Protein backbone atom coordinates (compact mmCIF):
# COMPACT_ATOMS: atom_id res chain seq x y z
CA MET A 1 -18.59 9.46 -63.50
CA LYS A 2 -19.15 7.60 -60.22
CA GLN A 3 -18.09 3.94 -60.16
CA ALA A 4 -20.65 1.36 -59.10
CA GLN A 5 -19.85 -0.49 -55.90
CA ILE A 6 -20.65 -4.16 -55.42
CA PRO A 7 -22.49 -4.87 -52.12
CA GLY A 8 -20.14 -6.39 -49.54
CA MET A 9 -17.07 -4.72 -51.04
CA GLU A 10 -17.13 -1.72 -48.72
CA ARG A 11 -13.86 -0.83 -47.04
CA PRO A 12 -13.65 -2.73 -43.72
CA GLU A 13 -13.46 -0.55 -40.62
CA GLN A 14 -10.56 -2.51 -39.11
CA LEU A 15 -8.17 -1.38 -41.85
CA ASP A 16 -8.26 2.11 -40.36
CA LEU A 17 -6.56 1.08 -37.08
CA PRO A 18 -3.59 3.41 -36.53
CA GLU A 19 -1.59 0.95 -34.37
CA TYR A 20 -1.78 -2.53 -32.97
CA GLU A 21 0.01 -4.50 -30.28
CA GLU A 22 1.11 -8.10 -30.72
CA VAL A 23 0.09 -10.18 -27.70
CA TRP A 24 1.00 -13.81 -27.10
CA THR A 25 -2.12 -15.34 -25.62
CA GLY A 26 -0.86 -18.80 -24.73
CA ASP A 27 -4.29 -20.08 -25.76
CA TYR A 28 -3.00 -21.96 -28.80
CA ILE A 29 -1.45 -25.41 -28.81
CA PHE A 30 1.17 -24.35 -31.34
CA GLU A 31 2.17 -20.68 -31.62
CA ASN A 32 4.86 -20.14 -34.24
CA GLU A 33 7.61 -18.15 -32.55
CA TRP A 34 10.69 -18.94 -34.61
CA GLN A 35 11.58 -20.26 -38.03
CA THR A 36 14.66 -20.65 -40.16
CA PHE A 37 15.26 -21.37 -43.85
CA ARG A 38 18.10 -22.65 -46.01
CA THR A 39 18.78 -21.97 -49.67
CA LYS A 40 20.81 -23.54 -52.46
CA LYS A 41 23.65 -21.10 -51.80
CA ASP A 42 23.50 -21.21 -48.00
CA ARG A 43 22.71 -24.74 -46.76
CA SER A 44 23.16 -23.91 -43.07
CA LEU A 45 20.25 -23.66 -40.64
CA GLU A 46 20.05 -21.53 -37.52
CA LEU A 47 19.42 -24.04 -34.72
CA ARG A 48 19.04 -21.69 -31.76
CA SER A 49 15.85 -19.74 -31.16
CA VAL A 50 15.32 -16.59 -29.15
CA ALA A 51 15.10 -16.97 -25.36
CA LYS A 52 11.67 -17.32 -23.79
CA GLU A 53 11.00 -17.30 -20.07
CA CYS A 54 8.56 -19.81 -18.65
CA GLN A 55 7.64 -21.14 -15.23
CA SER A 56 9.58 -24.01 -13.69
CA GLY A 57 8.25 -27.49 -14.23
CA ARG A 58 7.78 -30.06 -16.94
CA ARG A 59 7.02 -28.67 -20.39
CA LYS A 60 6.42 -30.06 -23.86
CA ILE A 61 8.13 -28.45 -26.84
CA ALA A 62 6.92 -29.11 -30.38
CA VAL A 63 9.41 -29.01 -33.26
CA LYS A 64 7.85 -28.98 -36.72
CA VAL A 65 9.70 -29.20 -40.05
CA VAL A 66 8.04 -28.38 -43.39
CA ASP A 67 9.77 -29.08 -46.71
CA ILE A 68 9.37 -27.09 -49.93
CA PHE A 69 6.53 -29.35 -51.06
CA GLY A 70 4.47 -28.69 -47.92
CA ASN A 71 5.15 -32.07 -46.34
CA ASP A 72 5.58 -31.71 -42.61
CA THR A 73 6.75 -33.75 -39.68
CA MET A 74 6.59 -32.88 -36.01
CA THR A 75 8.01 -34.27 -32.81
CA ILE A 76 7.24 -33.36 -29.21
CA VAL A 77 10.07 -33.24 -26.66
CA GLU A 78 9.42 -33.20 -22.91
CA VAL A 79 11.80 -31.00 -20.90
CA THR A 80 12.14 -29.93 -17.26
CA VAL A 81 12.66 -26.19 -16.74
CA GLY A 82 14.47 -24.87 -13.68
CA GLY A 83 15.12 -28.20 -12.05
CA LYS A 84 16.85 -31.53 -12.31
CA ALA A 85 16.01 -33.78 -15.24
């Protein structure tokens, strides 16, 4: 017996992609590149992210913290890369 199919529930073509490549576009204001978590047993946090090369000059870095309830806070820090502060 053939099952009825609801219109709009067809299998999307994009699910058949054999591979994909992750590309950082730089087009977003905030691209999540690193995160760390703590637990009841391990209260420590990793405070060093992976290295990322960028051009010399003044840059703004956003640091965002989200608690277990979904409350978030963010601060923006201005830094100078490759030069004197």
